[in-house]
Amino acid sequence: MSDNVEKYIKRKVHKGMSTKISQKFIDAGLEKIRACINCGTCTGSCPSGRRTAYRTRSAIRKALTGDESVLEDIDIWMCSTCYYCYERCPRDIPVTDMIIKLRNIAVEEGFILDSHFTLASDIFYATGHGVPANDPEAHKQWRALRESYGLPPLPPTVHSYPEAVKECQTLMNEVGFRALLDNAAKLKAKRKAEAEKIAKEKTEEEKK
């Protein structure tokens, strides 16, 4: 009988369950997550969910129950932060703020997407801009567009005052932004090394 149970009854095994996520919500003043009745209004309202696999209710439920797999779920990055779910929630739960908090926790745990890490580290930290426009060739269309409106080709930001980049980086260092990115990179590299080790061991086992 036990063999049949193992063979035919599949049970979902969660990688990790803890109160860590919910406690971080409480620490951030978002304890209202506990008022969620899992009605699905957020999911039904979500424009992103109509076009992707993102399900708001599922993400909030996992966070509430402490299912840590939600942190490595790419779907939490599909939220466009339109606040539609926030407006329609019957319990007035700040759903969008909670998804943003989930993303913050994911980054702290090293589950930041490669594209986001590159943007944050190689562009935002390095240049002080989320969308740089200081390359005369690659960004000449943006420069021309600004000039067509009677604006200078570069905005009056660090692009016009490159010496201010160091000041921006000092601020980001002081608030822990650089340390956050460095820790995320360290955790990502560690997980990648572990995954490669497991894959190698599996390959060697199969060869025997």
N, C-alpha and C. Protein backbone atom coordinates (compact mmCIF):
# COMPACT_ATOMS: atom_id res chain seq x y z
N MET A 1 0.83 -1.21 0.00
CA MET A 1 0.00 0.00 0.00
C MET A 1 0.86 1.26 0.00
N SER A 2 1.92 1.23 0.81
CA SER A 2 2.77 2.41 0.90
C SER A 2 3.43 2.72 -0.44
N ASP A 3 3.79 1.66 -1.20
CA ASP A 3 4.39 1.87 -2.51
C ASP A 3 3.42 2.57 -3.45
N ASN A 4 2.14 2.16 -3.39
CA ASN A 4 1.13 2.78 -4.24
C ASN A 4 0.89 4.24 -3.85
N VAL A 5 0.94 4.51 -2.56
CA VAL A 5 0.76 5.89 -2.09
C VAL A 5 1.86 6.77 -2.64
N GLU A 6 3.09 6.28 -2.56
CA GLU A 6 4.23 7.06 -3.05
C GLU A 6 4.16 7.23 -4.57
N LYS A 7 3.63 6.20 -5.25
CA LYS A 7 3.62 6.21 -6.70
C LYS A 7 2.51 7.08 -7.28
N TYR A 8 1.33 7.03 -6.65
CA TYR A 8 0.17 7.68 -7.27
C TYR A 8 -0.30 8.96 -6.59
N ILE A 9 0.07 9.16 -5.36
CA ILE A 9 -0.37 10.37 -4.67
C ILE A 9 0.80 11.34 -4.59
N LYS A 10 0.67 12.43 -5.32
CA LYS A 10 1.73 13.43 -5.36
C LYS A 10 1.41 14.54 -4.37
N ARG A 11 2.35 14.85 -3.55
CA ARG A 11 2.18 15.95 -2.61
C ARG A 11 3.20 17.03 -2.93
N LYS A 12 2.74 18.27 -2.95
CA LYS A 12 3.65 19.38 -3.20
C LYS A 12 4.52 19.59 -1.97
N VAL A 13 5.82 19.59 -2.18
CA VAL A 13 6.75 19.79 -1.07
C VAL A 13 7.36 21.19 -1.20
N HIS A 14 7.13 22.01 -0.21
CA HIS A 14 7.67 23.36 -0.23
C HIS A 14 9.13 23.36 0.20
N LYS A 15 9.92 24.18 -0.45
CA LYS A 15 11.35 24.24 -0.14
C LYS A 15 11.58 24.77 1.27
N GLY A 16 10.75 25.69 1.67
CA GLY A 16 10.94 26.27 3.00
C GLY A 16 9.69 26.98 3.48
N MET A 17 9.31 26.76 4.72
CA MET A 17 8.16 27.43 5.32
C MET A 17 8.63 28.05 6.62
N SER A 18 8.35 29.34 6.79
CA SER A 18 8.76 29.99 8.03
C SER A 18 7.93 31.24 8.24
N THR A 19 8.14 31.88 9.38
CA THR A 19 7.43 33.13 9.69
C THR A 19 8.27 34.34 9.29
N LYS A 20 9.40 34.09 8.63
CA LYS A 20 10.33 35.18 8.30
C LYS A 20 9.68 36.24 7.43
N ILE A 21 8.96 35.81 6.39
CA ILE A 21 8.36 36.76 5.46
C ILE A 21 7.28 37.59 6.14
N SER A 22 6.35 36.91 6.81
CA SER A 22 5.26 37.63 7.47
C SER A 22 5.79 38.57 8.54
N GLN A 23 6.88 38.17 9.23
CA GLN A 23 7.45 39.04 10.25
C GLN A 23 8.04 40.30 9.63
N LYS A 24 8.63 40.16 8.44
CA LYS A 24 9.18 41.33 7.76
C LYS A 24 8.08 42.28 7.32
N PHE A 25 6.93 41.73 6.97
CA PHE A 25 5.78 42.57 6.64
C PHE A 25 5.33 43.35 7.87
N ILE A 26 5.27 42.67 8.99
CA ILE A 26 4.86 43.32 10.25
C ILE A 26 5.84 44.41 10.64
N ASP A 27 7.14 44.10 10.51
CA ASP A 27 8.17 45.08 10.85
C ASP A 27 8.08 46.33 9.98
N ALA A 28 7.58 46.14 8.73
CA ALA A 28 7.45 47.27 7.80
C ALA A 28 6.12 47.99 7.95
N GLY A 29 5.31 47.59 8.94
CA GLY A 29 4.02 48.23 9.15
C GLY A 29 2.93 47.73 8.23
N LEU A 30 3.17 46.56 7.62
CA LEU A 30 2.18 45.99 6.69
C LEU A 30 1.50 44.77 7.29
N GLU A 31 1.23 44.84 8.61
CA GLU A 31 0.60 43.70 9.28
C GLU A 31 -0.82 43.44 8.79
N LYS A 32 -1.37 44.38 8.00
CA LYS A 32 -2.72 44.19 7.50
C LYS A 32 -2.83 43.02 6.53
N ILE A 33 -1.69 42.46 6.15
CA ILE A 33 -1.71 41.27 5.29
C ILE A 33 -2.52 40.16 5.96
N ARG A 34 -2.57 40.18 7.29
CA ARG A 34 -3.31 39.16 8.03
C ARG A 34 -4.81 39.26 7.82
N ALA A 35 -5.27 40.40 7.29
CA ALA A 35 -6.70 40.59 7.07
C ALA A 35 -7.17 40.02 5.74
N CYS A 36 -6.23 39.50 4.93
CA CYS A 36 -6.58 38.94 3.62
C CYS A 36 -7.51 37.74 3.78
N ILE A 37 -8.60 37.74 3.03
CA ILE A 37 -9.55 36.62 3.08
C ILE A 37 -9.42 35.74 1.83
N ASN A 38 -8.39 36.01 1.01
CA ASN A 38 -8.10 35.19 -0.16
C ASN A 38 -9.29 35.11 -1.12
N CYS A 39 -9.97 36.25 -1.30
CA CYS A 39 -11.19 36.27 -2.13
C CYS A 39 -10.88 36.28 -3.63
N GLY A 40 -9.68 36.74 -4.00
CA GLY A 40 -9.29 36.73 -5.40
C GLY A 40 -9.65 37.99 -6.17
N THR A 41 -10.19 39.00 -5.48
CA THR A 41 -10.52 40.25 -6.16
C THR A 41 -9.29 40.87 -6.79
N CYS A 42 -8.16 40.78 -6.10
CA CYS A 42 -6.91 41.35 -6.62
C CYS A 42 -6.50 40.67 -7.92
N THR A 43 -6.60 39.35 -7.94
CA THR A 43 -6.23 38.59 -9.14
C THR A 43 -7.18 38.91 -10.29
N GLY A 44 -8.48 38.99 -9.98
CA GLY A 44 -9.47 39.28 -11.01
C GLY A 44 -9.34 40.69 -11.57
N SER A 45 -8.74 41.59 -10.81
CA SER A 45 -8.60 42.98 -11.24
C SER A 45 -7.30 43.24 -11.98
N CYS A 46 -6.35 42.32 -11.89
CA CYS A 46 -4.98 42.57 -12.32
C CYS A 46 -4.82 42.55 -13.85
N PRO A 47 -4.46 43.68 -14.46
CA PRO A 47 -4.24 43.69 -15.92
C PRO A 47 -3.02 42.88 -16.34
N SER A 48 -2.02 42.82 -15.48
CA SER A 48 -0.82 42.04 -15.79
C SER A 48 -1.15 40.55 -15.77
N GLY A 49 -2.03 40.15 -14.85
CA GLY A 49 -2.41 38.75 -14.73
C GLY A 49 -3.17 38.21 -15.93
N ARG A 50 -3.73 39.12 -16.72
CA ARG A 50 -4.45 38.68 -17.92
C ARG A 50 -3.49 38.28 -19.03
N ARG A 51 -2.25 38.73 -18.92
CA ARG A 51 -1.29 38.49 -19.99
C ARG A 51 -0.08 37.67 -19.56
N THR A 52 0.03 37.42 -18.26
CA THR A 52 1.16 36.65 -17.73
C THR A 52 0.63 35.60 -16.74
N ALA A 53 1.55 34.83 -16.17
CA ALA A 53 1.17 33.81 -15.18
C ALA A 53 1.05 34.41 -13.77
N TYR A 54 1.22 35.71 -13.65
CA TYR A 54 1.18 36.36 -12.34
C TYR A 54 -0.21 36.29 -11.73
N ARG A 55 -0.30 35.78 -10.48
CA ARG A 55 -1.54 35.71 -9.75
C ARG A 55 -1.33 36.37 -8.38
N THR A 56 -1.89 37.55 -8.23
CA THR A 56 -1.68 38.34 -7.01
C THR A 56 -2.08 37.58 -5.76
N ARG A 57 -3.23 36.94 -5.80
CA ARG A 57 -3.73 36.21 -4.63
C ARG A 57 -2.75 35.12 -4.20
N SER A 58 -2.19 34.42 -5.18
CA SER A 58 -1.25 33.35 -4.88
C SER A 58 0.01 33.89 -4.19
N ALA A 59 0.52 35.02 -4.69
CA ALA A 59 1.73 35.61 -4.11
C ALA A 59 1.47 36.05 -2.67
N ILE A 60 0.33 36.71 -2.44
CA ILE A 60 -0.01 37.17 -1.09
C ILE A 60 -0.23 35.98 -0.15
N ARG A 61 -0.89 34.94 -0.66
CA ARG A 61 -1.15 33.75 0.15
C ARG A 61 0.16 33.09 0.57
N LYS A 62 1.09 32.96 -0.36
CA LYS A 62 2.38 32.35 -0.04
C LYS A 62 3.12 33.17 1.00
N ALA A 63 3.07 34.49 0.85
CA ALA A 63 3.74 35.36 1.82
C ALA A 63 3.11 35.21 3.20
N LEU A 64 1.79 35.12 3.22
CA LEU A 64 1.06 35.01 4.49
C LEU A 64 1.34 33.69 5.19
N THR A 65 1.47 32.62 4.41
CA THR A 65 1.70 31.29 5.01
C THR A 65 3.19 30.99 5.20
N GLY A 66 4.05 31.90 4.76
CA GLY A 66 5.48 31.70 4.97
C GLY A 66 6.15 30.79 3.96
N ASP A 67 5.53 30.64 2.77
CA ASP A 67 6.11 29.80 1.73
C ASP A 67 7.23 30.60 1.04
N GLU A 68 8.47 30.26 1.35
CA GLU A 68 9.62 31.04 0.86
C GLU A 68 9.85 30.89 -0.64
N SER A 69 9.17 29.96 -1.29
CA SER A 69 9.34 29.80 -2.74
C SER A 69 8.85 31.02 -3.50
N VAL A 70 8.00 31.83 -2.86
CA VAL A 70 7.48 33.03 -3.52
C VAL A 70 8.61 34.02 -3.83
N LEU A 71 9.69 33.97 -3.06
CA LEU A 71 10.80 34.92 -3.25
C LEU A 71 11.56 34.67 -4.54
N GLU A 72 11.58 33.41 -5.00
CA GLU A 72 12.29 33.10 -6.24
C GLU A 72 11.33 32.94 -7.42
N ASP A 73 10.08 33.31 -7.20
CA ASP A 73 9.07 33.22 -8.25
C ASP A 73 9.17 34.46 -9.14
N ILE A 74 9.45 34.26 -10.42
CA ILE A 74 9.61 35.38 -11.34
C ILE A 74 8.32 36.19 -11.48
N ASP A 75 7.19 35.56 -11.14
CA ASP A 75 5.90 36.23 -11.33
C ASP A 75 5.76 37.49 -10.49
N ILE A 76 6.42 37.57 -9.32
CA ILE A 76 6.24 38.77 -8.49
C ILE A 76 6.83 40.01 -9.17
N TRP A 77 7.66 39.80 -10.20
CA TRP A 77 8.23 40.93 -10.93
C TRP A 77 7.35 41.34 -12.10
N MET A 78 6.23 40.63 -12.30
CA MET A 78 5.31 40.96 -13.39
C MET A 78 4.32 42.05 -13.01
N CYS A 79 4.23 42.36 -11.73
CA CYS A 79 3.31 43.40 -11.25
C CYS A 79 3.73 44.75 -11.83
N SER A 80 2.79 45.49 -12.39
CA SER A 80 3.11 46.80 -12.98
C SER A 80 2.88 47.94 -11.99
N THR A 81 2.52 47.61 -10.75
CA THR A 81 2.24 48.58 -9.67
C THR A 81 1.20 49.62 -10.12
N CYS A 82 0.14 49.14 -10.76
CA CYS A 82 -0.92 50.05 -11.21
C CYS A 82 -1.89 50.40 -10.07
N TYR A 83 -1.84 49.65 -8.97
CA TYR A 83 -2.67 49.87 -7.77
C TYR A 83 -4.15 49.56 -7.99
N TYR A 84 -4.48 48.85 -9.06
CA TYR A 84 -5.87 48.47 -9.28
C TYR A 84 -6.36 47.54 -8.17
N CYS A 85 -5.52 46.58 -7.78
CA CYS A 85 -5.88 45.64 -6.72
C CYS A 85 -6.09 46.37 -5.39
N TYR A 86 -5.26 47.37 -5.17
CA TYR A 86 -5.36 48.19 -3.95
C TYR A 86 -6.72 48.88 -3.88
N GLU A 87 -7.15 49.44 -5.02
CA GLU A 87 -8.42 50.17 -5.09
C GLU A 87 -9.63 49.25 -4.86
N ARG A 88 -9.55 47.99 -5.29
CA ARG A 88 -10.71 47.12 -5.27
C ARG A 88 -10.75 46.14 -4.08
N CYS A 89 -9.67 46.05 -3.32
CA CYS A 89 -9.64 45.09 -2.20
C CYS A 89 -10.74 45.38 -1.19
N PRO A 90 -11.63 44.41 -0.89
CA PRO A 90 -12.73 44.65 0.06
C PRO A 90 -12.26 44.84 1.49
N ARG A 91 -11.01 44.47 1.79
CA ARG A 91 -10.49 44.64 3.14
C ARG A 91 -9.51 45.82 3.25
N ASP A 92 -9.45 46.60 2.17
CA ASP A 92 -8.56 47.78 2.13
C ASP A 92 -7.11 47.42 2.44
N ILE A 93 -6.67 46.30 1.92
CA ILE A 93 -5.29 45.87 2.12
C ILE A 93 -4.41 46.53 1.05
N PRO A 94 -3.28 47.11 1.43
CA PRO A 94 -2.38 47.74 0.45
C PRO A 94 -1.61 46.67 -0.34
N VAL A 95 -2.33 45.98 -1.21
CA VAL A 95 -1.78 44.82 -1.92
C VAL A 95 -0.52 45.17 -2.70
N THR A 96 -0.56 46.26 -3.45
CA THR A 96 0.60 46.63 -4.27
C THR A 96 1.83 46.89 -3.41
N ASP A 97 1.63 47.55 -2.28
CA ASP A 97 2.75 47.81 -1.37
C ASP A 97 3.35 46.50 -0.87
N MET A 98 2.50 45.50 -0.70
CA MET A 98 2.98 44.20 -0.23
C MET A 98 3.78 43.48 -1.30
N ILE A 99 3.38 43.63 -2.55
CA ILE A 99 4.14 43.03 -3.64
C ILE A 99 5.51 43.71 -3.75
N ILE A 100 5.53 45.03 -3.58
CA ILE A 100 6.80 45.75 -3.59
C ILE A 100 7.68 45.27 -2.44
N LYS A 101 7.07 45.05 -1.27
CA LYS A 101 7.83 44.56 -0.11
C LYS A 101 8.36 43.16 -0.39
N LEU A 102 7.56 42.34 -1.06
CA LEU A 102 8.02 40.99 -1.42
C LEU A 102 9.26 41.06 -2.31
N ARG A 103 9.24 42.00 -3.24
CA ARG A 103 10.39 42.19 -4.12
C ARG A 103 11.62 42.62 -3.30
N ASN A 104 11.39 43.51 -2.35
CA ASN A 104 12.50 43.97 -1.49
C ASN A 104 13.12 42.80 -0.73
N ILE A 105 12.25 41.94 -0.18
CA ILE A 105 12.74 40.78 0.57
C ILE A 105 13.48 39.83 -0.37
N ALA A 106 12.94 39.67 -1.59
CA ALA A 106 13.58 38.79 -2.58
C ALA A 106 15.00 39.27 -2.88
N VAL A 107 15.16 40.59 -3.02
CA VAL A 107 16.49 41.14 -3.29
C VAL A 107 17.42 40.90 -2.10
N GLU A 108 16.89 41.10 -0.90
CA GLU A 108 17.69 40.86 0.31
C GLU A 108 18.17 39.41 0.38
N GLU A 109 17.36 38.49 -0.14
CA GLU A 109 17.71 37.08 -0.11
C GLU A 109 18.47 36.64 -1.36
N GLY A 110 18.79 37.60 -2.23
CA GLY A 110 19.59 37.29 -3.42
C GLY A 110 18.81 36.77 -4.60
N PHE A 111 17.49 36.98 -4.62
CA PHE A 111 16.67 36.50 -5.74
C PHE A 111 16.33 37.61 -6.73
N ILE A 112 17.23 38.57 -6.88
CA ILE A 112 17.01 39.65 -7.85
C ILE A 112 17.29 39.13 -9.26
N LEU A 113 16.46 39.53 -10.22
CA LEU A 113 16.67 39.10 -11.60
C LEU A 113 17.97 39.69 -12.14
N ASP A 114 18.62 38.97 -13.05
CA ASP A 114 19.88 39.43 -13.62
C ASP A 114 19.73 40.80 -14.29
N SER A 115 18.62 40.98 -15.03
CA SER A 115 18.39 42.25 -15.73
C SER A 115 18.24 43.40 -14.74
N HIS A 116 17.55 43.14 -13.62
CA HIS A 116 17.36 44.17 -12.61
C HIS A 116 18.68 44.48 -11.90
N PHE A 117 19.47 43.44 -11.66
CA PHE A 117 20.75 43.65 -11.00
C PHE A 117 21.67 44.50 -11.88
N THR A 118 21.69 44.20 -13.18
CA THR A 118 22.51 44.98 -14.11
C THR A 118 22.08 46.43 -14.13
N LEU A 119 20.75 46.66 -14.17
CA LEU A 119 20.23 48.03 -14.16
C LEU A 119 20.62 48.76 -12.88
N ALA A 120 20.46 48.08 -11.74
CA ALA A 120 20.74 48.72 -10.45
C ALA A 120 22.22 48.98 -10.24
N SER A 121 23.06 48.02 -10.61
CA SER A 121 24.49 48.11 -10.32
C SER A 121 25.28 48.82 -11.41
N ASP A 122 25.11 48.37 -12.65
CA ASP A 122 25.94 48.88 -13.74
C ASP A 122 25.43 50.18 -14.34
N ILE A 123 24.16 50.49 -14.11
CA ILE A 123 23.60 51.72 -14.69
C ILE A 123 23.26 52.73 -13.60
N PHE A 124 22.32 52.37 -12.72
CA PHE A 124 21.88 53.34 -11.71
C PHE A 124 23.00 53.75 -10.76
N TYR A 125 23.71 52.75 -10.21
CA TYR A 125 24.79 53.08 -9.27
C TYR A 125 25.95 53.76 -9.99
N ALA A 126 26.26 53.29 -11.17
CA ALA A 126 27.42 53.81 -11.90
C ALA A 126 27.19 55.20 -12.48
N THR A 127 25.94 55.50 -12.91
CA THR A 127 25.68 56.77 -13.60
C THR A 127 24.75 57.71 -12.85
N GLY A 128 24.02 57.18 -11.85
CA GLY A 128 23.05 58.02 -11.16
C GLY A 128 21.73 58.13 -11.89
N HIS A 129 21.59 57.38 -12.99
CA HIS A 129 20.38 57.42 -13.81
C HIS A 129 19.84 56.02 -14.04
N GLY A 130 18.52 55.88 -14.04
CA GLY A 130 17.91 54.61 -14.40
C GLY A 130 17.92 54.43 -15.91
N VAL A 131 17.84 55.56 -16.63
CA VAL A 131 17.87 55.54 -18.09
C VAL A 131 18.91 56.57 -18.54
N PRO A 132 20.16 56.16 -18.69
CA PRO A 132 21.21 57.12 -19.07
C PRO A 132 20.99 57.67 -20.48
N ALA A 133 21.44 58.90 -20.70
CA ALA A 133 21.29 59.54 -22.01
C ALA A 133 22.55 60.28 -22.40
N ASN A 134 23.68 59.83 -21.88
CA ASN A 134 24.92 60.58 -22.10
C ASN A 134 25.80 60.02 -23.21
N ASP A 135 25.35 58.94 -23.86
CA ASP A 135 26.12 58.40 -24.98
C ASP A 135 25.70 59.17 -26.24
N PRO A 136 26.61 59.95 -26.84
CA PRO A 136 26.23 60.80 -27.97
C PRO A 136 25.70 60.05 -29.19
N GLU A 137 26.11 58.80 -29.37
CA GLU A 137 25.65 58.04 -30.52
C GLU A 137 24.38 57.23 -30.21
N ALA A 138 24.47 56.45 -29.14
CA ALA A 138 23.34 55.56 -28.80
C ALA A 138 22.09 56.33 -28.40
N HIS A 139 22.26 57.53 -27.85
CA HIS A 139 21.12 58.29 -27.33
C HIS A 139 20.85 59.58 -28.10
N LYS A 140 21.30 59.67 -29.33
CA LYS A 140 21.13 60.93 -30.04
C LYS A 140 19.65 61.23 -30.36
N GLN A 141 18.82 60.19 -30.47
CA GLN A 141 17.39 60.43 -30.72
C GLN A 141 16.75 61.13 -29.53
N TRP A 142 17.16 60.69 -28.30
CA TRP A 142 16.61 61.33 -27.11
C TRP A 142 17.10 62.77 -27.00
N ARG A 143 18.33 63.01 -27.37
CA ARG A 143 18.88 64.36 -27.35
C ARG A 143 18.12 65.25 -28.34
N ALA A 144 17.88 64.70 -29.54
CA ALA A 144 17.16 65.46 -30.57
C ALA A 144 15.74 65.75 -30.12
N LEU A 145 15.10 64.78 -29.45
CA LEU A 145 13.73 64.98 -28.97
C LEU A 145 13.69 66.11 -27.94
N ARG A 146 14.65 66.12 -27.01
CA ARG A 146 14.71 67.18 -26.01
C ARG A 146 14.90 68.54 -26.68
N GLU A 147 15.80 68.60 -27.65
CA GLU A 147 16.07 69.86 -28.33
C GLU A 147 14.87 70.35 -29.12
N SER A 148 14.06 69.40 -29.64
CA SER A 148 12.87 69.79 -30.41
C SER A 148 11.84 70.49 -29.53
N TYR A 149 11.93 70.27 -28.21
CA TYR A 149 11.04 70.95 -27.26
C TYR A 149 11.71 72.17 -26.62
N GLY A 150 12.83 72.55 -27.18
CA GLY A 150 13.53 73.71 -26.65
C GLY A 150 14.30 73.45 -25.38
N LEU A 151 14.58 72.18 -25.11
CA LEU A 151 15.33 71.80 -23.92
C LEU A 151 16.79 71.53 -24.28
N PRO A 152 17.68 71.66 -23.31
CA PRO A 152 19.08 71.30 -23.59
C PRO A 152 19.17 69.80 -23.88
N PRO A 153 20.15 69.35 -24.67
CA PRO A 153 20.24 67.94 -25.05
C PRO A 153 20.37 66.99 -23.86
N LEU A 154 20.97 67.44 -22.78
CA LEU A 154 21.09 66.62 -21.58
C LEU A 154 20.31 67.25 -20.45
N PRO A 155 19.62 66.45 -19.63
CA PRO A 155 18.87 67.00 -18.49
C PRO A 155 19.82 67.57 -17.45
N PRO A 156 19.33 68.52 -16.63
CA PRO A 156 20.19 69.14 -15.61
C PRO A 156 20.40 68.23 -14.40
N THR A 157 20.91 67.04 -14.66
CA THR A 157 21.16 66.06 -13.61
C THR A 157 22.65 65.73 -13.62
N VAL A 158 22.99 64.54 -13.18
CA VAL A 158 24.40 64.15 -13.19
C VAL A 158 24.98 64.09 -14.59
N HIS A 159 24.11 64.02 -15.62
CA HIS A 159 24.61 64.05 -16.99
C HIS A 159 25.25 65.41 -17.31
N SER A 160 24.64 66.45 -16.77
CA SER A 160 25.19 67.79 -16.98
C SER A 160 26.26 68.13 -15.96
N TYR A 161 26.20 67.43 -14.82
CA TYR A 161 27.17 67.68 -13.75
C TYR A 161 27.78 66.34 -13.31
N PRO A 162 28.67 65.78 -14.13
CA PRO A 162 29.22 64.44 -13.85
C PRO A 162 29.93 64.33 -12.51
N GLU A 163 30.40 65.45 -11.98
CA GLU A 163 31.06 65.40 -10.67
C GLU A 163 30.08 65.00 -9.56
N ALA A 164 28.78 65.16 -9.83
CA ALA A 164 27.77 64.83 -8.83
C ALA A 164 27.54 63.33 -8.70
N VAL A 165 28.05 62.54 -9.65
CA VAL A 165 27.88 61.08 -9.59
C VAL A 165 28.47 60.54 -8.29
N LYS A 166 29.64 61.04 -7.93
CA LYS A 166 30.30 60.59 -6.69
C LYS A 166 29.43 60.89 -5.47
N GLU A 167 28.76 62.03 -5.49
CA GLU A 167 27.88 62.39 -4.37
C GLU A 167 26.70 61.43 -4.31
N CYS A 168 26.15 61.09 -5.48
CA CYS A 168 25.03 60.13 -5.52
C CYS A 168 25.47 58.78 -5.00
N GLN A 169 26.67 58.35 -5.38
CA GLN A 169 27.18 57.07 -4.93
C GLN A 169 27.43 57.07 -3.43
N THR A 170 27.89 58.21 -2.90
CA THR A 170 28.08 58.33 -1.46
C THR A 170 26.76 58.16 -0.73
N LEU A 171 25.70 58.78 -1.25
CA LEU A 171 24.37 58.64 -0.65
C LEU A 171 23.90 57.19 -0.70
N MET A 172 24.11 56.53 -1.86
CA MET A 172 23.68 55.14 -2.00
C MET A 172 24.48 54.22 -1.08
N ASN A 173 25.73 54.55 -0.86
CA ASN A 173 26.54 53.77 0.08
C ASN A 173 26.04 53.95 1.51
N GLU A 174 25.71 55.19 1.85
CA GLU A 174 25.28 55.50 3.22
C GLU A 174 23.96 54.83 3.58
N VAL A 175 23.05 54.73 2.61
CA VAL A 175 21.74 54.12 2.91
C VAL A 175 21.78 52.60 2.74
N GLY A 176 22.93 52.05 2.35
CA GLY A 176 23.07 50.59 2.25
C GLY A 176 22.72 50.00 0.91
N PHE A 177 22.51 50.84 -0.10
CA PHE A 177 22.11 50.34 -1.42
C PHE A 177 23.21 49.48 -2.05
N ARG A 178 24.47 49.97 -1.98
CA ARG A 178 25.58 49.22 -2.55
C ARG A 178 25.79 47.90 -1.81
N ALA A 179 25.67 47.95 -0.48
CA ALA A 179 25.84 46.74 0.32
C ALA A 179 24.75 45.72 -0.01
N LEU A 180 23.53 46.21 -0.26
CA LEU A 180 22.42 45.34 -0.62
C LEU A 180 22.71 44.61 -1.93
N LEU A 181 23.21 45.35 -2.91
CA LEU A 181 23.54 44.75 -4.20
C LEU A 181 24.69 43.76 -4.08
N ASP A 182 25.71 44.12 -3.31
CA ASP A 182 26.86 43.23 -3.14
C ASP A 182 26.44 41.92 -2.46
N ASN A 183 25.55 42.03 -1.48
CA ASN A 183 25.07 40.83 -0.78
C ASN A 183 24.24 39.96 -1.72
N ALA A 184 23.41 40.61 -2.54
CA ALA A 184 22.59 39.88 -3.51
C ALA A 184 23.47 39.13 -4.50
N ALA A 185 24.53 39.80 -4.97
CA ALA A 185 25.46 39.17 -5.92
C ALA A 185 26.14 37.96 -5.28
N LYS A 186 26.51 38.11 -4.02
CA LYS A 186 27.18 37.02 -3.29
C LYS A 186 26.25 35.81 -3.16
N LEU A 187 24.99 36.06 -2.79
CA LEU A 187 24.03 34.98 -2.62
C LEU A 187 23.70 34.31 -3.95
N LYS A 188 23.58 35.12 -5.02
CA LYS A 188 23.30 34.56 -6.35
C LYS A 188 24.45 33.65 -6.79
N ALA A 189 25.68 34.11 -6.57
CA ALA A 189 26.85 33.31 -6.97
C ALA A 189 26.91 32.01 -6.18
N LYS A 190 26.55 32.08 -4.91
CA LYS A 190 26.57 30.89 -4.05
C LYS A 190 25.54 29.87 -4.53
N ARG A 191 24.34 30.32 -4.85
CA ARG A 191 23.30 29.41 -5.34
C ARG A 191 23.68 28.81 -6.69
N LYS A 192 24.29 29.62 -7.53
CA LYS A 192 24.70 29.12 -8.84
C LYS A 192 25.75 28.03 -8.70
N ALA A 193 26.71 28.25 -7.80
CA ALA A 193 27.76 27.26 -7.57
C ALA A 193 27.18 25.97 -7.02
N GLU A 194 26.22 26.08 -6.10
CA GLU A 194 25.58 24.90 -5.53
C GLU A 194 24.80 24.13 -6.59
N ALA A 195 24.09 24.86 -7.47
CA ALA A 195 23.31 24.22 -8.53
C ALA A 195 24.23 23.50 -9.51
N GLU A 196 25.36 24.13 -9.85
CA GLU A 196 26.31 23.51 -10.76
C GLU A 196 26.93 22.25 -10.15
N LYS A 197 27.18 22.31 -8.85
CA LYS A 197 27.75 21.15 -8.15
C LYS A 197 26.77 19.98 -8.16
N ILE A 198 25.50 20.26 -7.89
CA ILE A 198 24.47 19.22 -7.89
C ILE A 198 24.32 18.62 -9.29
N ALA A 199 24.32 19.50 -10.31
CA ALA A 199 24.18 19.03 -11.69
C ALA A 199 25.37 18.15 -12.09
N LYS A 200 26.55 18.53 -11.64
CA LYS A 200 27.75 17.75 -11.95
C LYS A 200 27.70 16.38 -11.29
N GLU A 201 27.28 16.36 -10.02
CA GLU A 201 27.18 15.10 -9.30
C GLU A 201 26.14 14.19 -9.92
N LYS A 202 25.05 14.79 -10.36
CA LYS A 202 23.99 14.01 -11.02
C LYS A 202 24.47 13.39 -12.32
N THR A 203 25.24 14.18 -13.09
CA THR A 203 25.79 13.69 -14.36
C THR A 203 26.75 12.53 -14.12
N GLU A 204 27.58 12.69 -13.12
CA GLU A 204 28.55 11.62 -12.79
C GLU A 204 27.85 10.35 -12.33
N GLU A 205 26.73 10.52 -11.60
CA GLU A 205 25.97 9.35 -11.13
C GLU A 205 25.37 8.62 -12.31
N GLU A 206 24.86 9.38 -13.28
CA GLU A 206 24.21 8.78 -14.44
C GLU A 206 25.20 8.03 -15.32
N LYS A 207 26.45 8.46 -15.28
CA LYS A 207 27.48 7.81 -16.10
C LYS A 207 27.90 6.46 -15.51
N LYS A 208 27.68 6.28 -14.21
CA LYS A 208 28.11 5.03 -13.55
C LYS A 208 27.22 3.85 -13.95
